[in-house]
Amino acid sequence: MSDSREVGKENANFRDNHRRILAAQFELRRRLYKAISNDPSLPDEVREENRYKLAKLPRNSSFTRIRNRCVFTGRARGVYAAFRMSRLVFRDLANKGMLNGIKKASCLGVFPVSSHTLAVTFLGYDTPITANNSYDKFWLNSSQSITE
């Protein structure tokens, strides 16, 4: 049964990747049709024609269909967008020391000012990441000073 779940998650990643490709491919057309159909200064016939063209675009080319998924597990919830991995995989890899620059906040002797914020510098991302549950609140960047 676990094999079918893994295949399903893998297929979900493939579907999401296909949606990303379609969204990028049809982005300009979709924006043009939306802008024309929402412009009240244009005649109704032109606006209606562009609404029809917008409806004829593939549904999967809409950006609202794209879902951030973990590249390792295919999990759709609790995914850090900066890392493209779920909170569970992030925690596991960080515990094993496989993420450079990430160490547990309790190792520094103090907890972060906001217990629900991860200050992470990895692959050029310097933005704080908010944790969704109490298990993820104890991670800090190892280059962050204790006084912050």
C-alpha atoms as a PDB file:
ATOM      1  CA  MET A   1       0.000   0.000   0.000  1.00  0.00           C
ATOM      2  CA  SER A   2       2.887   2.397   0.703  1.00  0.00           C
ATOM      3  CA  ASP A   3       4.157   1.865  -2.850  1.00  0.00           C
ATOM      4  CA  SER A   4       0.905   3.183  -4.303  1.00  0.00           C
ATOM      5  CA  ARG A   5       1.117   6.249  -2.048  1.00  0.00           C
ATOM      6  CA  GLU A   6       4.659   6.979  -3.212  1.00  0.00           C
ATOM      7  CA  VAL A   7       3.613   6.633  -6.846  1.00  0.00           C
ATOM      8  CA  GLY A   8       0.674   8.963  -6.184  1.00  0.00           C
ATOM      9  CA  LYS A   9       2.921  11.588  -4.609  1.00  0.00           C
ATOM     10  CA  GLU A  10       5.385  11.266  -7.482  1.00  0.00           C
ATOM     11  CA  ASN A  11       2.562  11.699  -9.986  1.00  0.00           C
ATOM     12  CA  ALA A  12       1.352  14.739  -8.059  1.00  0.00           C
ATOM     13  CA  ASN A  13       4.810  16.284  -8.437  1.00  0.00           C
ATOM     14  CA  PHE A  14       4.729  15.561 -12.178  1.00  0.00           C
ATOM     15  CA  ARG A  15       1.263  17.099 -12.482  1.00  0.00           C
ATOM     16  CA  ASP A  16       2.349  20.178 -10.557  1.00  0.00           C
ATOM     17  CA  ASN A  17       5.441  20.562 -12.735  1.00  0.00           C
ATOM     18  CA  HIS A  18       3.279  20.282 -15.858  1.00  0.00           C
ATOM     19  CA  ARG A  19       0.959  22.981 -14.452  1.00  0.00           C
ATOM     20  CA  ARG A  20       3.949  25.257 -13.834  1.00  0.00           C
ATOM     21  CA  ILE A  21       5.090  24.826 -17.442  1.00  0.00           C
ATOM     22  CA  LEU A  22       1.596  25.537 -18.790  1.00  0.00           C
ATOM     23  CA  ALA A  23       1.160  28.574 -16.534  1.00  0.00           C
ATOM     24  CA  ALA A  24       4.427  30.059 -17.768  1.00  0.00           C
ATOM     25  CA  GLN A  25       3.532  29.273 -21.367  1.00  0.00           C
ATOM     26  CA  PHE A  26       0.071  30.914 -21.264  1.00  0.00           C
ATOM     27  CA  GLU A  27       0.813  33.708 -18.769  1.00  0.00           C
ATOM     28  CA  LEU A  28       0.921  36.585 -21.258  1.00  0.00           C
ATOM     29  CA  ARG A  29      -2.189  35.479 -23.141  1.00  0.00           C
ATOM     30  CA  ARG A  30      -4.118  34.975 -19.915  1.00  0.00           C
ATOM     31  CA  ARG A  31      -3.146  38.434 -18.627  1.00  0.00           C
ATOM     32  CA  LEU A  32      -4.042  40.083 -21.942  1.00  0.00           C
ATOM     33  CA  TYR A  33      -7.473  38.430 -22.141  1.00  0.00           C
ATOM     34  CA  LYS A  34      -8.185  39.287 -18.487  1.00  0.00           C
ATOM     35  CA  ALA A  35      -7.143  42.913 -18.914  1.00  0.00           C
ATOM     36  CA  ILE A  36      -9.303  43.367 -22.014  1.00  0.00           C
ATOM     37  CA  SER A  37     -12.324  41.590 -20.539  1.00  0.00           C
ATOM     38  CA  ASN A  38     -12.134  43.677 -17.337  1.00  0.00           C
ATOM     39  CA  ASP A  39     -11.783  47.047 -19.114  1.00  0.00           C
ATOM     40  CA  PRO A  40     -15.154  48.847 -18.915  1.00  0.00           C
ATOM     41  CA  SER A  41     -14.182  51.424 -21.561  1.00  0.00           C
ATOM     42  CA  LEU A  42     -14.190  48.777 -24.322  1.00  0.00           C
ATOM     43  CA  PRO A  43     -17.335  47.627 -26.177  1.00  0.00           C
ATOM     44  CA  ASP A  44     -19.208  44.682 -24.727  1.00  0.00           C
ATOM     45  CA  GLU A  45     -18.627  42.532 -27.829  1.00  0.00           C
ATOM     46  CA  VAL A  46     -14.839  42.820 -27.502  1.00  0.00           C
ATOM     47  CA  ARG A  47     -14.956  42.104 -23.788  1.00  0.00           C
ATOM     48  CA  GLU A  48     -17.214  39.088 -24.306  1.00  0.00           C
ATOM     49  CA  GLU A  49     -14.952  37.741 -27.073  1.00  0.00           C
ATOM     50  CA  ASN A  50     -11.927  37.937 -24.757  1.00  0.00           C
ATOM     51  CA  ARG A  51     -13.851  36.259 -21.938  1.00  0.00           C
ATOM     52  CA  TYR A  52     -14.563  33.409 -24.341  1.00  0.00           C
ATOM     53  CA  LYS A  53     -10.873  33.208 -25.325  1.00  0.00           C
ATOM     54  CA  LEU A  54      -9.914  33.193 -21.642  1.00  0.00           C
ATOM     55  CA  ALA A  55     -12.340  30.344 -20.972  1.00  0.00           C
ATOM     56  CA  LYS A  56     -10.854  28.339 -23.861  1.00  0.00           C
ATOM     57  CA  LEU A  57      -7.352  28.380 -22.358  1.00  0.00           C
ATOM     58  CA  PRO A  58      -6.326  25.151 -20.560  1.00  0.00           C
ATOM     59  CA  ARG A  59      -7.498  25.118 -16.960  1.00  0.00           C
ATOM     60  CA  ASN A  60      -4.123  23.907 -15.759  1.00  0.00           C
ATOM     61  CA  SER A  61      -2.516  27.045 -17.197  1.00  0.00           C
ATOM     62  CA  SER A  62      -3.936  29.105 -14.337  1.00  0.00           C
ATOM     63  CA  PHE A  63      -1.518  30.064 -11.556  1.00  0.00           C
ATOM     64  CA  THR A  64      -4.135  29.221  -8.937  1.00  0.00           C
ATOM     65  CA  ARG A  65      -3.772  25.548  -9.878  1.00  0.00           C
ATOM     66  CA  ILE A  66      -0.084  25.507  -8.926  1.00  0.00           C
ATOM     67  CA  ARG A  67       0.654  24.023  -5.514  1.00  0.00           C
ATOM     68  CA  ASN A  68       3.973  24.139  -3.660  1.00  0.00           C
ATOM     69  CA  ARG A  69       4.994  20.543  -3.052  1.00  0.00           C
ATOM     70  CA  CYS A  70       7.922  18.921  -1.296  1.00  0.00           C
ATOM     71  CA  VAL A  71      10.419  17.691  -3.881  1.00  0.00           C
ATOM     72  CA  PHE A  72      11.322  14.715  -1.676  1.00  0.00           C
ATOM     73  CA  THR A  73       7.947  13.434  -0.498  1.00  0.00           C
ATOM     74  CA  GLY A  74       5.342  15.196  -2.656  1.00  0.00           C
ATOM     75  CA  ARG A  75       3.644  16.539   0.469  1.00  0.00           C
ATOM     76  CA  ALA A  76       1.483  19.576  -0.296  1.00  0.00           C
ATOM     77  CA  ARG A  77       1.043  20.982   3.202  1.00  0.00           C
ATOM     78  CA  GLY A  78       3.655  22.490   5.470  1.00  0.00           C
ATOM     79  CA  VAL A  79       6.105  23.206   2.656  1.00  0.00           C
ATOM     80  CA  TYR A  80       8.761  25.897   3.039  1.00  0.00           C
ATOM     81  CA  ALA A  81       8.741  27.654  -0.339  1.00  0.00           C
ATOM     82  CA  ALA A  82      12.348  28.805   0.007  1.00  0.00           C
ATOM     83  CA  PHE A  83      13.572  25.221   0.366  1.00  0.00           C
ATOM     84  CA  ARG A  84      10.833  23.417  -1.602  1.00  0.00           C
ATOM     85  CA  MET A  85      10.701  20.791   1.131  1.00  0.00           C
ATOM     86  CA  SER A  86       8.172  19.968   3.802  1.00  0.00           C
ATOM     87  CA  ARG A  87       8.678  20.885   7.437  1.00  0.00           C
ATOM     88  CA  LEU A  88       9.107  17.201   8.283  1.00  0.00           C
ATOM     89  CA  VAL A  89      11.913  16.647   5.759  1.00  0.00           C
ATOM     90  CA  PHE A  90      13.503  19.963   6.750  1.00  0.00           C
ATOM     91  CA  ARG A  91      13.544  18.972  10.409  1.00  0.00           C
ATOM     92  CA  ASP A  92      14.917  15.511   9.633  1.00  0.00           C
ATOM     93  CA  LEU A  93      17.721  16.807   7.403  1.00  0.00           C
ATOM     94  CA  ALA A  94      18.583  19.564   9.871  1.00  0.00           C
ATOM     95  CA  ASN A  95      18.780  17.054  12.739  1.00  0.00           C
ATOM     96  CA  LYS A  96      21.187  14.958  10.687  1.00  0.00           C
ATOM     97  CA  GLY A  97      23.301  18.041   9.927  1.00  0.00           C
ATOM     98  CA  MET A  98      22.752  17.769   6.189  1.00  0.00           C
ATOM     99  CA  LEU A  99      21.661  21.416   5.746  1.00  0.00           C
ATOM    100  CA  ASN A 100      24.607  23.790   5.753  1.00  0.00           C
ATOM    101  CA  GLY A 101      24.243  26.766   8.079  1.00  0.00           C
ATOM    102  CA  ILE A 102      21.250  25.378   9.973  1.00  0.00           C
ATOM    103  CA  LYS A 103      21.493  24.391  13.611  1.00  0.00           C
ATOM    104  CA  LYS A 104      19.069  24.005  16.457  1.00  0.00           C
ATOM    105  CA  ALA A 105      18.362  27.176  18.427  1.00  0.00           C
ATOM    106  CA  SER A 106      18.727  25.390  21.769  1.00  0.00           C
ATOM    107  CA  CYS A 107      22.356  24.699  20.825  1.00  0.00           C
ATOM    108  CA  LEU A 108      22.973  28.453  20.922  1.00  0.00           C
ATOM    109  CA  GLY A 109      21.767  28.719  24.502  1.00  0.00           C
ATOM    110  CA  VAL A 110      18.795  31.015  23.818  1.00  0.00           C
ATOM    111  CA  PHE A 111      15.599  30.842  21.844  1.00  0.00           C
ATOM    112  CA  PRO A 112      14.675  33.244  19.073  1.00  0.00           C
ATOM    113  CA  VAL A 113      12.853  36.463  19.940  1.00  0.00           C
ATOM    114  CA  SER A 114       9.732  35.250  18.163  1.00  0.00           C
ATOM    115  CA  SER A 115       9.312  31.547  18.830  1.00  0.00           C
ATOM    116  CA  HIS A 116       7.451  31.078  15.548  1.00  0.00           C
ATOM    117  CA  THR A 117      10.149  32.454  13.253  1.00  0.00           C
ATOM    118  CA  LEU A 118      13.021  30.686  11.578  1.00  0.00           C
ATOM    119  CA  ALA A 119      15.815  32.949  10.464  1.00  0.00           C
ATOM    120  CA  VAL A 120      17.456  30.958   7.705  1.00  0.00           C
ATOM    121  CA  THR A 121      20.165  31.791   5.201  1.00  0.00           C
ATOM    122  CA  PHE A 122      20.387  29.076   2.590  1.00  0.00           C
ATOM    123  CA  LEU A 123      20.968  29.313  -1.144  1.00  0.00           C
ATOM    124  CA  GLY A 124      20.671  33.100  -1.066  1.00  0.00           C
ATOM    125  CA  TYR A 125      17.374  33.355   0.842  1.00  0.00           C
ATOM    126  CA  ASP A 126      17.564  35.766   3.766  1.00  0.00           C
ATOM    127  CA  THR A 127      13.881  35.941   4.618  1.00  0.00           C
ATOM    128  CA  PRO A 128      12.414  34.713   7.901  1.00  0.00           C
ATOM    129  CA  ILE A 129      10.201  31.670   7.575  1.00  0.00           C
ATOM    130  CA  THR A 130       7.232  31.325   9.883  1.00  0.00           C
ATOM    131  CA  ALA A 131       6.654  27.940  11.469  1.00  0.00           C
ATOM    132  CA  ASN A 132       3.177  26.456  11.471  1.00  0.00           C
ATOM    133  CA  ASN A 133       3.589  24.295  14.519  1.00  0.00           C
ATOM    134  CA  SER A 134       5.538  24.153  17.750  1.00  0.00           C
ATOM    135  CA  TYR A 135       7.889  21.405  16.546  1.00  0.00           C
ATOM    136  CA  ASP A 136       9.469  23.705  13.982  1.00  0.00           C
ATOM    137  CA  LYS A 137      10.105  26.745  16.148  1.00  0.00           C
ATOM    138  CA  PHE A 138      13.559  25.843  17.439  1.00  0.00           C
ATOM    139  CA  TRP A 139      15.664  26.285  14.301  1.00  0.00           C
ATOM    140  CA  LEU A 140      18.047  29.198  13.755  1.00  0.00           C
ATOM    141  CA  ASN A 141      20.732  30.010  11.268  1.00  0.00           C
ATOM    142  CA  SER A 142      24.148  29.137  12.706  1.00  0.00           C
ATOM    143  CA  SER A 143      25.549  32.459  11.480  1.00  0.00           C
ATOM    144  CA  GLN A 144      22.926  34.388  13.476  1.00  0.00           C
ATOM    145  CA  SER A 145      24.258  35.996  16.650  1.00  0.00           C
ATOM    146  CA  ILE A 146      22.849  35.149  20.054  1.00  0.00           C
ATOM    147  CA  THR A 147      21.901  38.775  20.738  1.00  0.00           C
ATOM    148  CA  GLU A 148      19.410  38.998  17.826  1.00  0.00           C
END
